[in-house]
Amino acid sequence: MKDLLPPERKPQGGRPAKSNREMLNAMVYWLNTGIPWRDLPERFGPWQSVYSRFRAWTKAGVWENILVNMIQQDIIDETTLMLDSTSIKVHQHANGVKKGAKTSQQDAAGED
């Protein structure tokens, strides 16, 4: 997986950034806990740094490359990937039924 991540040092030099391993640990922690970025523990450093690298990797397609590579190596099975819908909520008024509209149950019962 190390080879799939962008290089840690930029060619122009400058202050060395945190290692990809440390940043990846922070991102996995964030994904597992579902906490806001601002609540990352201090041991990961400034949350803005982790967020910036996460966004940069997302835009560069790093996550897609990692996923494809892991599928090709049979590390994960793409048929078992899923979204956890327990956190997806819909407002009570977004259920698709308009006020006064008849539902299929009313039509089937013959109610008018």
PDB file of N, CA and C in Angstrom:
ATOM      1  N   MET A   1       0.828  -1.187   0.000  1.00  0.00           N
ATOM      2  CA  MET A   1       0.000   0.000   0.000  1.00  0.00           C
ATOM      3  C   MET A   1       0.878   1.258   0.000  1.00  0.00           C
ATOM      4  N   LYS A   2       2.061   1.148   0.552  1.00  0.00           N
ATOM      5  CA  LYS A   2       2.956   2.294   0.630  1.00  0.00           C
ATOM      6  C   LYS A   2       3.247   2.858  -0.762  1.00  0.00           C
ATOM      7  N   ASP A   3       3.358   1.982  -1.747  1.00  0.00           N
ATOM      8  CA  ASP A   3       3.662   2.421  -3.108  1.00  0.00           C
ATOM      9  C   ASP A   3       2.488   3.136  -3.773  1.00  0.00           C
ATOM     10  N   LEU A   4       1.284   2.945  -3.267  1.00  0.00           N
ATOM     11  CA  LEU A   4       0.096   3.567  -3.851  1.00  0.00           C
ATOM     12  C   LEU A   4      -0.134   4.984  -3.333  1.00  0.00           C
ATOM     13  N   LEU A   5       0.541   5.333  -2.245  1.00  0.00           N
ATOM     14  CA  LEU A   5       0.383   6.673  -1.667  1.00  0.00           C
ATOM     15  C   LEU A   5       1.342   7.646  -2.340  1.00  0.00           C
ATOM     16  N   PRO A   6       0.969   8.920  -2.405  1.00  0.00           N
ATOM     17  CA  PRO A   6       1.864   9.918  -3.004  1.00  0.00           C
ATOM     18  C   PRO A   6       3.174  10.023  -2.222  1.00  0.00           C
ATOM     19  N   PRO A   7       4.227  10.536  -2.855  1.00  0.00           N
ATOM     20  CA  PRO A   7       5.498  10.692  -2.133  1.00  0.00           C
ATOM     21  C   PRO A   7       5.343  11.631  -0.936  1.00  0.00           C
ATOM     22  N   GLU A   8       6.072  11.337   0.114  1.00  0.00           N
ATOM     23  CA  GLU A   8       5.964  12.141   1.330  1.00  0.00           C
ATOM     24  C   GLU A   8       6.680  13.478   1.203  1.00  0.00           C
ATOM     25  N   ARG A   9       7.779  13.505   0.511  1.00  0.00           N
ATOM     26  CA  ARG A   9       8.555  14.740   0.373  1.00  0.00           C
ATOM     27  C   ARG A   9       8.299  15.355  -0.987  1.00  0.00           C
ATOM     28  N   LYS A  10       8.114  16.657  -0.988  1.00  0.00           N
ATOM     29  CA  LYS A  10       7.935  17.384  -2.244  1.00  0.00           C
ATOM     30  C   LYS A  10       9.305  17.644  -2.855  1.00  0.00           C
ATOM     31  N   PRO A  11       9.391  17.703  -4.182  1.00  0.00           N
ATOM     32  CA  PRO A  11      10.698  17.899  -4.816  1.00  0.00           C
ATOM     33  C   PRO A  11      11.367  19.224  -4.462  1.00  0.00           C
ATOM     34  N   GLN A  12      10.583  20.252  -4.158  1.00  0.00           N
ATOM     35  CA  GLN A  12      11.179  21.559  -3.866  1.00  0.00           C
ATOM     36  C   GLN A  12      11.711  21.643  -2.435  1.00  0.00           C
ATOM     37  N   GLY A  13      11.543  20.614  -1.647  1.00  0.00           N
ATOM     38  CA  GLY A  13      12.076  20.614  -0.280  1.00  0.00           C
ATOM     39  C   GLY A  13      11.119  21.262   0.690  1.00  0.00           C
ATOM     40  N   GLY A  14      11.675  21.969   1.660  1.00  0.00           N
ATOM     41  CA  GLY A  14      10.844  22.614   2.667  1.00  0.00           C
ATOM     42  C   GLY A  14      10.756  21.768   3.921  1.00  0.00           C
ATOM     43  N   ARG A  15       9.898  22.209   4.801  1.00  0.00           N
ATOM     44  CA  ARG A  15       9.712  21.509   6.080  1.00  0.00           C
ATOM     45  C   ARG A  15       9.088  20.141   5.824  1.00  0.00           C
ATOM     46  N   PRO A  16       9.645  19.089   6.392  1.00  0.00           N
ATOM     47  CA  PRO A  16       9.067  17.755   6.149  1.00  0.00           C
ATOM     48  C   PRO A  16       7.671  17.645   6.766  1.00  0.00           C
ATOM     49  N   ALA A  17       6.779  17.068   6.003  1.00  0.00           N
ATOM     50  CA  ALA A  17       5.409  16.874   6.477  1.00  0.00           C
ATOM     51  C   ALA A  17       5.337  15.600   7.316  1.00  0.00           C
ATOM     52  N   LYS A  18       4.196  15.399   7.947  1.00  0.00           N
ATOM     53  CA  LYS A  18       3.985  14.154   8.685  1.00  0.00           C
ATOM     54  C   LYS A  18       4.003  12.997   7.695  1.00  0.00           C
ATOM     55  N   SER A  19       4.386  11.853   8.170  1.00  0.00           N
ATOM     56  CA  SER A  19       4.478  10.690   7.291  1.00  0.00           C
ATOM     57  C   SER A  19       3.085  10.264   6.821  1.00  0.00           C
ATOM     58  N   ASN A  20       3.058   9.620   5.672  1.00  0.00           N
ATOM     59  CA  ASN A  20       1.790   9.120   5.133  1.00  0.00           C
ATOM     60  C   ASN A  20       1.157   8.114   6.087  1.00  0.00           C
ATOM     61  N   ARG A  21       1.983   7.356   6.772  1.00  0.00           N
ATOM     62  CA  ARG A  21       1.465   6.361   7.715  1.00  0.00           C
ATOM     63  C   ARG A  21       0.696   7.031   8.854  1.00  0.00           C
ATOM     64  N   GLU A  22       1.266   8.097   9.419  1.00  0.00           N
ATOM     65  CA  GLU A  22       0.585   8.814  10.496  1.00  0.00           C
ATOM     66  C   GLU A  22      -0.722   9.431  10.003  1.00  0.00           C
ATOM     67  N   MET A  23      -0.677  10.008   8.818  1.00  0.00           N
ATOM     68  CA  MET A  23      -1.875  10.626   8.254  1.00  0.00           C
ATOM     69  C   MET A  23      -2.935   9.576   7.948  1.00  0.00           C
ATOM     70  N   LEU A  24      -2.503   8.440   7.410  1.00  0.00           N
ATOM     71  CA  LEU A  24      -3.443   7.364   7.110  1.00  0.00           C
ATOM     72  C   LEU A  24      -4.102   6.853   8.387  1.00  0.00           C
ATOM     73  N   ASN A  25      -3.321   6.721   9.460  1.00  0.00           N
ATOM     74  CA  ASN A  25      -3.887   6.308  10.755  1.00  0.00           C
ATOM     75  C   ASN A  25      -4.949   7.295  11.220  1.00  0.00           C
ATOM     76  N   ALA A  26      -4.682   8.587  11.063  1.00  0.00           N
ATOM     77  CA  ALA A  26      -5.655   9.606  11.471  1.00  0.00           C
ATOM     78  C   ALA A  26      -6.919   9.514  10.626  1.00  0.00           C
ATOM     79  N   MET A  27      -6.760   9.287   9.322  1.00  0.00           N
ATOM     80  CA  MET A  27      -7.923   9.189   8.431  1.00  0.00           C
ATOM     81  C   MET A  27      -8.762   7.960   8.752  1.00  0.00           C
ATOM     82  N   VAL A  28      -8.098   6.841   9.027  1.00  0.00           N
ATOM     83  CA  VAL A  28      -8.830   5.617   9.384  1.00  0.00           C
ATOM     84  C   VAL A  28      -9.563   5.813  10.707  1.00  0.00           C
ATOM     85  N   TYR A  29      -8.905   6.480  11.660  1.00  0.00           N
ATOM     86  CA  TYR A  29      -9.556   6.785  12.938  1.00  0.00           C
ATOM     87  C   TYR A  29     -10.809   7.623  12.706  1.00  0.00           C
ATOM     88  N   TRP A  30     -10.682   8.651  11.867  1.00  0.00           N
ATOM     89  CA  TRP A  30     -11.824   9.526  11.558  1.00  0.00           C
ATOM     90  C   TRP A  30     -12.957   8.730  10.903  1.00  0.00           C
ATOM     91  N   LEU A  31     -12.609   7.867   9.954  1.00  0.00           N
ATOM     92  CA  LEU A  31     -13.628   7.063   9.271  1.00  0.00           C
ATOM     93  C   LEU A  31     -14.316   6.087  10.220  1.00  0.00           C
ATOM     94  N   ASN A  32     -13.531   5.458  11.107  1.00  0.00           N
ATOM     95  CA  ASN A  32     -14.099   4.469  12.032  1.00  0.00           C
ATOM     96  C   ASN A  32     -14.995   5.088  13.088  1.00  0.00           C
ATOM     97  N   THR A  33     -14.638   6.266  13.558  1.00  0.00           N
ATOM     98  CA  THR A  33     -15.402   6.869  14.653  1.00  0.00           C
ATOM     99  C   THR A  33     -16.541   7.750  14.162  1.00  0.00           C
ATOM    100  N   GLY A  34     -16.388   8.342  12.971  1.00  0.00           N
ATOM    101  CA  GLY A  34     -17.426   9.230  12.457  1.00  0.00           C
ATOM    102  C   GLY A  34     -17.463  10.580  13.148  1.00  0.00           C
ATOM    103  N   ILE A  35     -16.390  10.938  13.839  1.00  0.00           N
ATOM    104  CA  ILE A  35     -16.348  12.214  14.542  1.00  0.00           C
ATOM    105  C   ILE A  35     -16.116  13.359  13.562  1.00  0.00           C
ATOM    106  N   PRO A  36     -16.441  14.583  13.952  1.00  0.00           N
ATOM    107  CA  PRO A  36     -16.082  15.729  13.106  1.00  0.00           C
ATOM    108  C   PRO A  36     -14.554  15.865  13.040  1.00  0.00           C
ATOM    109  N   TRP A  37     -14.076  16.435  11.935  1.00  0.00           N
ATOM    110  CA  TRP A  37     -12.635  16.616  11.764  1.00  0.00           C
ATOM    111  C   TRP A  37     -12.026  17.348  12.954  1.00  0.00           C
ATOM    112  N   ARG A  38     -12.711  18.353  13.453  1.00  0.00           N
ATOM    113  CA  ARG A  38     -12.169  19.169  14.542  1.00  0.00           C
ATOM    114  C   ARG A  38     -11.964  18.388  15.835  1.00  0.00           C
ATOM    115  N   ASP A  39     -12.593  17.226  15.953  1.00  0.00           N
ATOM    116  CA  ASP A  39     -12.479  16.437  17.175  1.00  0.00           C
ATOM    117  C   ASP A  39     -11.414  15.347  17.104  1.00  0.00           C
ATOM    118  N   LEU A  40     -10.576  15.365  16.071  1.00  0.00           N
ATOM    119  CA  LEU A  40      -9.482  14.388  16.009  1.00  0.00           C
ATOM    120  C   LEU A  40      -8.581  14.563  17.231  1.00  0.00           C
ATOM    121  N   PRO A  41      -8.140  13.477  17.828  1.00  0.00           N
ATOM    122  CA  PRO A  41      -7.241  13.599  18.980  1.00  0.00           C
ATOM    123  C   PRO A  41      -5.951  14.335  18.613  1.00  0.00           C
ATOM    124  N   GLU A  42      -5.373  14.990  19.578  1.00  0.00           N
ATOM    125  CA  GLU A  42      -4.174  15.800  19.356  1.00  0.00           C
ATOM    126  C   GLU A  42      -2.981  14.983  18.879  1.00  0.00           C
ATOM    127  N   ARG A  43      -2.984  13.680  19.185  1.00  0.00           N
ATOM    128  CA  ARG A  43      -1.837  12.855  18.791  1.00  0.00           C
ATOM    129  C   ARG A  43      -1.662  12.783  17.277  1.00  0.00           C
ATOM    130  N   PHE A  44      -2.719  13.110  16.518  1.00  0.00           N
ATOM    131  CA  PHE A  44      -2.639  13.109  15.059  1.00  0.00           C
ATOM    132  C   PHE A  44      -2.167  14.450  14.498  1.00  0.00           C
ATOM    133  N   GLY A  45      -1.988  15.419  15.350  1.00  0.00           N
ATOM    134  CA  GLY A  45      -1.567  16.739  14.893  1.00  0.00           C
ATOM    135  C   GLY A  45      -2.780  17.595  14.554  1.00  0.00           C
ATOM    136  N   PRO A  46      -2.550  18.730  13.880  1.00  0.00           N
ATOM    137  CA  PRO A  46      -3.666  19.620  13.535  1.00  0.00           C
ATOM    138  C   PRO A  46      -4.665  18.929  12.597  1.00  0.00           C
ATOM    139  N   TRP A  47      -5.929  19.041  12.914  1.00  0.00           N
ATOM    140  CA  TRP A  47      -6.943  18.371  12.100  1.00  0.00           C
ATOM    141  C   TRP A  47      -6.949  18.914  10.683  1.00  0.00           C
ATOM    142  N   GLN A  48      -6.576  20.180  10.509  1.00  0.00           N
ATOM    143  CA  GLN A  48      -6.560  20.783   9.175  1.00  0.00           C
ATOM    144  C   GLN A  48      -5.551  20.079   8.264  1.00  0.00           C
ATOM    145  N   SER A  49      -4.445  19.644   8.829  1.00  0.00           N
ATOM    146  CA  SER A  49      -3.430  18.935   8.043  1.00  0.00           C
ATOM    147  C   SER A  49      -3.960  17.593   7.560  1.00  0.00           C
ATOM    148  N   VAL A  50      -4.643  16.883   8.443  1.00  0.00           N
ATOM    149  CA  VAL A  50      -5.204  15.583   8.080  1.00  0.00           C
ATOM    150  C   VAL A  50      -6.292  15.773   7.022  1.00  0.00           C
ATOM    151  N   TYR A  51      -7.152  16.753   7.247  1.00  0.00           N
ATOM    152  CA  TYR A  51      -8.242  17.022   6.301  1.00  0.00           C
ATOM    153  C   TYR A  51      -7.687  17.415   4.936  1.00  0.00           C
ATOM    154  N   SER A  52      -6.675  18.273   4.913  1.00  0.00           N
ATOM    155  CA  SER A  52      -6.088  18.729   3.647  1.00  0.00           C
ATOM    156  C   SER A  52      -5.500  17.561   2.865  1.00  0.00           C
ATOM    157  N   ARG A  53      -4.799  16.691   3.559  1.00  0.00           N
ATOM    158  CA  ARG A  53      -4.209  15.549   2.854  1.00  0.00           C
ATOM    159  C   ARG A  53      -5.293  14.571   2.400  1.00  0.00           C
ATOM    160  N   PHE A  54      -6.330  14.386   3.214  1.00  0.00           N
ATOM    161  CA  PHE A  54      -7.450  13.522   2.812  1.00  0.00           C
ATOM    162  C   PHE A  54      -8.099  14.045   1.534  1.00  0.00           C
ATOM    163  N   ARG A  55      -8.365  15.347   1.478  1.00  0.00           N
ATOM    164  CA  ARG A  55      -8.978  15.951   0.283  1.00  0.00           C
ATOM    165  C   ARG A  55      -8.057  15.862  -0.922  1.00  0.00           C
ATOM    166  N   ALA A  56      -6.761  16.082  -0.714  1.00  0.00           N
ATOM    167  CA  ALA A  56      -5.799  15.999  -1.818  1.00  0.00           C
ATOM    168  C   ALA A  56      -5.736  14.576  -2.367  1.00  0.00           C
ATOM    169  N   TRP A  57      -5.735  13.587  -1.486  1.00  0.00           N
ATOM    170  CA  TRP A  57      -5.706  12.193  -1.931  1.00  0.00           C
ATOM    171  C   TRP A  57      -7.004  11.830  -2.644  1.00  0.00           C
ATOM    172  N   THR A  58      -8.118  12.370  -2.180  1.00  0.00           N
ATOM    173  CA  THR A  58      -9.401  12.098  -2.830  1.00  0.00           C
ATOM    174  C   THR A  58      -9.413  12.669  -4.241  1.00  0.00           C
ATOM    175  N   LYS A  59      -8.978  13.921  -4.383  1.00  0.00           N
ATOM    176  CA  LYS A  59      -8.952  14.562  -5.708  1.00  0.00           C
ATOM    177  C   LYS A  59      -7.979  13.877  -6.654  1.00  0.00           C
ATOM    178  N   ALA A  60      -6.886  13.347  -6.115  1.00  0.00           N
ATOM    179  CA  ALA A  60      -5.871  12.693  -6.943  1.00  0.00           C
ATOM    180  C   ALA A  60      -6.241  11.250  -7.289  1.00  0.00           C
ATOM    181  N   GLY A  61      -7.325  10.731  -6.709  1.00  0.00           N
ATOM    182  CA  GLY A  61      -7.763   9.365  -7.001  1.00  0.00           C
ATOM    183  C   GLY A  61      -6.991   8.293  -6.251  1.00  0.00           C
ATOM    184  N   VAL A  62      -6.326   8.682  -5.178  1.00  0.00           N
ATOM    185  CA  VAL A  62      -5.527   7.725  -4.402  1.00  0.00           C
ATOM    186  C   VAL A  62      -6.411   6.634  -3.806  1.00  0.00           C
ATOM    187  N   TRP A  63      -7.554   7.012  -3.263  1.00  0.00           N
ATOM    188  CA  TRP A  63      -8.441   6.031  -2.621  1.00  0.00           C
ATOM    189  C   TRP A  63      -8.964   5.023  -3.627  1.00  0.00           C
ATOM    190  N   GLU A  64      -9.310   5.492  -4.830  1.00  0.00           N
ATOM    191  CA  GLU A  64      -9.792   4.572  -5.873  1.00  0.00           C
ATOM    192  C   GLU A  64      -8.696   3.592  -6.264  1.00  0.00           C
ATOM    193  N   ASN A  65      -7.452   4.094  -6.409  1.00  0.00           N
ATOM    194  CA  ASN A  65      -6.334   3.214  -6.750  1.00  0.00           C
ATOM    195  C   ASN A  65      -6.097   2.164  -5.681  1.00  0.00           C
ATOM    196  N   ILE A  66      -6.188   2.567  -4.421  1.00  0.00           N
ATOM    197  CA  ILE A  66      -6.004   1.627  -3.317  1.00  0.00           C
ATOM    198  C   ILE A  66      -7.091   0.559  -3.351  1.00  0.00           C
ATOM    199  N   LEU A  67      -8.331   0.976  -3.538  1.00  0.00           N
ATOM    200  CA  LEU A  67      -9.450   0.028  -3.568  1.00  0.00           C
ATOM    201  C   LEU A  67      -9.298  -0.954  -4.727  1.00  0.00           C
ATOM    202  N   VAL A  68      -8.996  -0.452  -5.916  1.00  0.00           N
ATOM    203  CA  VAL A  68      -8.825  -1.326  -7.086  1.00  0.00           C
ATOM    204  C   VAL A  68      -7.680  -2.303  -6.856  1.00  0.00           C
ATOM    205  N   ASN A  69      -6.577  -1.809  -6.314  1.00  0.00           N
ATOM    206  CA  ASN A  69      -5.430  -2.667  -6.061  1.00  0.00           C
ATOM    207  C   ASN A  69      -5.758  -3.751  -5.043  1.00  0.00           C
ATOM    208  N   MET A  70      -6.487  -3.391  -3.999  1.00  0.00           N
ATOM    209  CA  MET A  70      -6.845  -4.377  -2.976  1.00  0.00           C
ATOM    210  C   MET A  70      -7.811  -5.423  -3.529  1.00  0.00           C
ATOM    211  N   ILE A  71      -8.685  -5.024  -4.436  1.00  0.00           N
ATOM    212  CA  ILE A  71      -9.595  -5.979  -5.077  1.00  0.00           C
ATOM    213  C   ILE A  71      -8.813  -6.919  -5.980  1.00  0.00           C
ATOM    214  N   GLN A  72      -7.870  -6.378  -6.757  1.00  0.00           N
ATOM    215  CA  GLN A  72      -7.065  -7.202  -7.658  1.00  0.00           C
ATOM    216  C   GLN A  72      -6.209  -8.212  -6.906  1.00  0.00           C
ATOM    217  N   GLN A  73      -5.757  -7.856  -5.720  1.00  0.00           N
ATOM    218  CA  GLN A  73      -4.935  -8.765  -4.921  1.00  0.00           C
ATOM    219  C   GLN A  73      -5.768  -9.701  -4.042  1.00  0.00           C
ATOM    220  N   ASP A  74      -7.096  -9.643  -4.174  1.00  0.00           N
ATOM    221  CA  ASP A  74      -8.018 -10.450  -3.365  1.00  0.00           C
ATOM    222  C   ASP A  74      -7.861 -10.205  -1.866  1.00  0.00           C
ATOM    223  N   ILE A  75      -7.476  -8.983  -1.517  1.00  0.00           N
ATOM    224  CA  ILE A  75      -7.419  -8.614  -0.105  1.00  0.00           C
ATOM    225  C   ILE A  75      -8.832  -8.323   0.396  1.00  0.00           C
ATOM    226  N   ILE A  76      -9.630  -7.701  -0.460  1.00  0.00           N
ATOM    227  CA  ILE A  76     -11.036  -7.469  -0.146  1.00  0.00           C
ATOM    228  C   ILE A  76     -11.882  -7.982  -1.297  1.00  0.00           C
ATOM    229  N   ASP A  77     -13.120  -8.265  -1.010  1.00  0.00           N
ATOM    230  CA  ASP A  77     -14.055  -8.767  -2.005  1.00  0.00           C
ATOM    231  C   ASP A  77     -15.041  -7.655  -2.326  1.00  0.00           C
ATOM    232  N   GLU A  78     -15.072  -7.209  -3.585  1.00  0.00           N
ATOM    233  CA  GLU A  78     -15.934  -6.086  -3.947  1.00  0.00           C
ATOM    234  C   GLU A  78     -17.425  -6.398  -3.794  1.00  0.00           C
ATOM    235  N   THR A  79     -17.787  -7.662  -3.678  1.00  0.00           N
ATOM    236  CA  THR A  79     -19.206  -7.990  -3.509  1.00  0.00           C
ATOM    237  C   THR A  79     -19.673  -7.745  -2.077  1.00  0.00           C
ATOM    238  N   THR A  80     -18.743  -7.562  -1.145  1.00  0.00           N
ATOM    239  CA  THR A  80     -19.137  -7.340   0.251  1.00  0.00           C
ATOM    240  C   THR A  80     -19.088  -5.877   0.653  1.00  0.00           C
ATOM    241  N   LEU A  81     -18.719  -4.987  -0.260  1.00  0.00           N
ATOM    242  CA  LEU A  81     -18.688  -3.562   0.060  1.00  0.00           C
ATOM    243  C   LEU A  81     -20.109  -3.052   0.190  1.00  0.00           C
ATOM    244  N   MET A  82     -20.353  -2.209   1.180  1.00  0.00           N
ATOM    245  CA  MET A  82     -21.700  -1.681   1.374  1.00  0.00           C
ATOM    246  C   MET A  82     -21.643  -0.366   2.129  1.00  0.00           C
ATOM    247  N   LEU A  83     -22.740   0.348   2.095  1.00  0.00           N
ATOM    248  CA  LEU A  83     -22.888   1.572   2.866  1.00  0.00           C
ATOM    249  C   LEU A  83     -23.750   1.273   4.076  1.00  0.00           C
ATOM    250  N   ASP A  84     -23.427   1.880   5.162  1.00  0.00           N
ATOM    251  CA  ASP A  84     -24.228   1.738   6.369  1.00  0.00           C
ATOM    252  C   ASP A  84     -25.282   2.836   6.344  1.00  0.00           C
ATOM    253  N   SER A  85     -26.514   2.465   6.125  1.00  0.00           N
ATOM    254  CA  SER A  85     -27.579   3.459   5.985  1.00  0.00           C
ATOM    255  C   SER A  85     -28.195   3.864   7.315  1.00  0.00           C
ATOM    256  N   THR A  86     -27.668   3.388   8.421  1.00  0.00           N
ATOM    257  CA  THR A  86     -28.269   3.737   9.706  1.00  0.00           C
ATOM    258  C   THR A  86     -28.115   5.209  10.035  1.00  0.00           C
ATOM    259  N   SER A  87     -27.172   5.878   9.400  1.00  0.00           N
ATOM    260  CA  SER A  87     -26.968   7.290   9.701  1.00  0.00           C
ATOM    261  C   SER A  87     -27.616   8.213   8.677  1.00  0.00           C
ATOM    262  N   ILE A  88     -28.286   7.648   7.695  1.00  0.00           N
ATOM    263  CA  ILE A  88     -28.947   8.462   6.680  1.00  0.00           C
ATOM    264  C   ILE A  88     -30.379   8.713   7.140  1.00  0.00           C
ATOM    265  N   LYS A  89     -30.702   9.975   7.334  1.00  0.00           N
ATOM    266  CA  LYS A  89     -32.030  10.327   7.818  1.00  0.00           C
ATOM    267  C   LYS A  89     -32.734  11.205   6.794  1.00  0.00           C
ATOM    268  N   VAL A  90     -34.028  11.052   6.720  1.00  0.00           N
ATOM    269  CA  VAL A  90     -34.846  11.854   5.825  1.00  0.00           C
ATOM    270  C   VAL A  90     -35.840  12.625   6.677  1.00  0.00           C
ATOM    271  N   HIS A  91     -36.054  13.858   6.315  1.00  0.00           N
ATOM    272  CA  HIS A  91     -37.033  14.668   7.026  1.00  0.00           C
ATOM    273  C   HIS A  91     -38.407  14.041   6.872  1.00  0.00           C
ATOM    274  N   GLN A  92     -39.250  14.204   7.865  1.00  0.00           N
ATOM    275  CA  GLN A  92     -40.570  13.576   7.838  1.00  0.00           C
ATOM    276  C   GLN A  92     -41.410  14.018   6.658  1.00  0.00           C
ATOM    277  N   HIS A  93     -41.150  15.201   6.124  1.00  0.00           N
ATOM    278  CA  HIS A  93     -41.927  15.695   4.999  1.00  0.00           C
ATOM    279  C   HIS A  93     -41.334  15.276   3.654  1.00  0.00           C
ATOM    280  N   ALA A  94     -40.255  14.522   3.675  1.00  0.00           N
ATOM    281  CA  ALA A  94     -39.598  14.113   2.438  1.00  0.00           C
ATOM    282  C   ALA A  94     -39.924  12.671   2.068  1.00  0.00           C
ATOM    283  N   ASN A  95     -41.079  12.184   2.497  1.00  0.00           N
ATOM    284  CA  ASN A  95     -41.418  10.794   2.238  1.00  0.00           C
ATOM    285  C   ASN A  95     -42.060  10.576   0.874  1.00  0.00           C
ATOM    286  N   GLY A  96     -42.275  11.611   0.096  1.00  0.00           N
ATOM    287  CA  GLY A  96     -42.749  11.460  -1.272  1.00  0.00           C
ATOM    288  C   GLY A  96     -44.253  11.526  -1.437  1.00  0.00           C
ATOM    289  N   VAL A  97     -45.024  11.536  -0.359  1.00  0.00           N
ATOM    290  CA  VAL A  97     -46.474  11.592  -0.463  1.00  0.00           C
ATOM    291  C   VAL A  97     -46.917  13.042  -0.316  1.00  0.00           C
ATOM    292  N   LYS A  98     -47.711  13.485  -1.275  1.00  0.00           N
ATOM    293  CA  LYS A  98     -48.203  14.860  -1.205  1.00  0.00           C
ATOM    294  C   LYS A  98     -49.470  14.901  -0.359  1.00  0.00           C
ATOM    295  N   LYS A  99     -49.738  16.032   0.230  1.00  0.00           N
ATOM    296  CA  LYS A  99     -50.901  16.191   1.094  1.00  0.00           C
ATOM    297  C   LYS A  99     -52.171  15.920   0.299  1.00  0.00           C
ATOM    298  N   GLY A 100     -52.979  15.041   0.816  1.00  0.00           N
ATOM    299  CA  GLY A 100     -54.256  14.734   0.180  1.00  0.00           C
ATOM    300  C   GLY A 100     -54.166  13.688  -0.916  1.00  0.00           C
ATOM    301  N   ALA A 101     -52.975  13.240  -1.268  1.00  0.00           N
ATOM    302  CA  ALA A 101     -52.830  12.234  -2.326  1.00  0.00           C
ATOM    303  C   ALA A 101     -53.236  10.871  -1.776  1.00  0.00           C
ATOM    304  N   LYS A 102     -53.853  10.077  -2.626  1.00  0.00           N
ATOM    305  CA  LYS A 102     -54.261   8.744  -2.220  1.00  0.00           C
ATOM    306  C   LYS A 102     -53.082   7.796  -2.351  1.00  0.00           C
ATOM    307  N   THR A 103     -52.927   6.934  -1.389  1.00  0.00           N
ATOM    308  CA  THR A 103     -51.883   5.926  -1.455  1.00  0.00           C
ATOM    309  C   THR A 103     -52.427   4.687  -2.135  1.00  0.00           C
ATOM    310  N   SER A 104     -51.562   3.787  -2.490  1.00  0.00           N
ATOM    311  CA  SER A 104     -52.004   2.559  -3.158  1.00  0.00           C
ATOM    312  C   SER A 104     -52.859   1.709  -2.229  1.00  0.00           C
ATOM    313  N   GLN A 105     -52.646   1.801  -0.921  1.00  0.00           N
ATOM    314  CA  GLN A 105     -53.457   1.039   0.020  1.00  0.00           C
ATOM    315  C   GLN A 105     -54.881   1.561   0.025  1.00  0.00           C
ATOM    316  N   GLN A 106     -55.051   2.898  -0.070  1.00  0.00           N
ATOM    317  CA  GLN A 106     -56.406   3.459  -0.107  1.00  0.00           C
ATOM    318  C   GLN A 106     -57.108   3.052  -1.397  1.00  0.00           C
ATOM    319  N   ASP A 107     -56.375   3.066  -2.513  1.00  0.00           N
ATOM    320  CA  ASP A 107     -56.961   2.674  -3.782  1.00  0.00           C
ATOM    321  C   ASP A 107     -57.367   1.214  -3.770  1.00  0.00           C
ATOM    322  N   ALA A 108     -56.540   0.350  -3.179  1.00  0.00           N
ATOM    323  CA  ALA A 108     -56.830  -1.075  -3.144  1.00  0.00           C
ATOM    324  C   ALA A 108     -58.046  -1.361  -2.261  1.00  0.00           C
ATOM    325  N   ALA A 109     -58.264  -0.569  -1.234  1.00  0.00           N
ATOM    326  CA  ALA A 109     -59.389  -0.775  -0.332  1.00  0.00           C
ATOM    327  C   ALA A 109     -60.664  -0.181  -0.903  1.00  0.00           C
ATOM    328  N   GLY A 110     -60.568   0.563  -1.985  1.00  0.00           N
ATOM    329  CA  GLY A 110     -61.736   1.135  -2.603  1.00  0.00           C
ATOM    330  C   GLY A 110     -62.208   2.404  -1.920  1.00  0.00           C
ATOM    331  N   GLU A 111     -61.370   3.007  -1.097  1.00  0.00           N
ATOM    332  CA  GLU A 111     -61.761   4.247  -0.420  1.00  0.00           C
ATOM    333  C   GLU A 111     -61.590   5.411  -1.353  1.00  0.00           C
ATOM    334  N   ASP A 112     -62.455   6.367  -1.256  1.00  0.00           N
ATOM    335  CA  ASP A 112     -62.372   7.589  -2.071  1.00  0.00           C
ATOM    336  C   ASP A 112     -62.235   8.789  -1.208  1.00  0.00           C
TER     337      ASP A 112
END
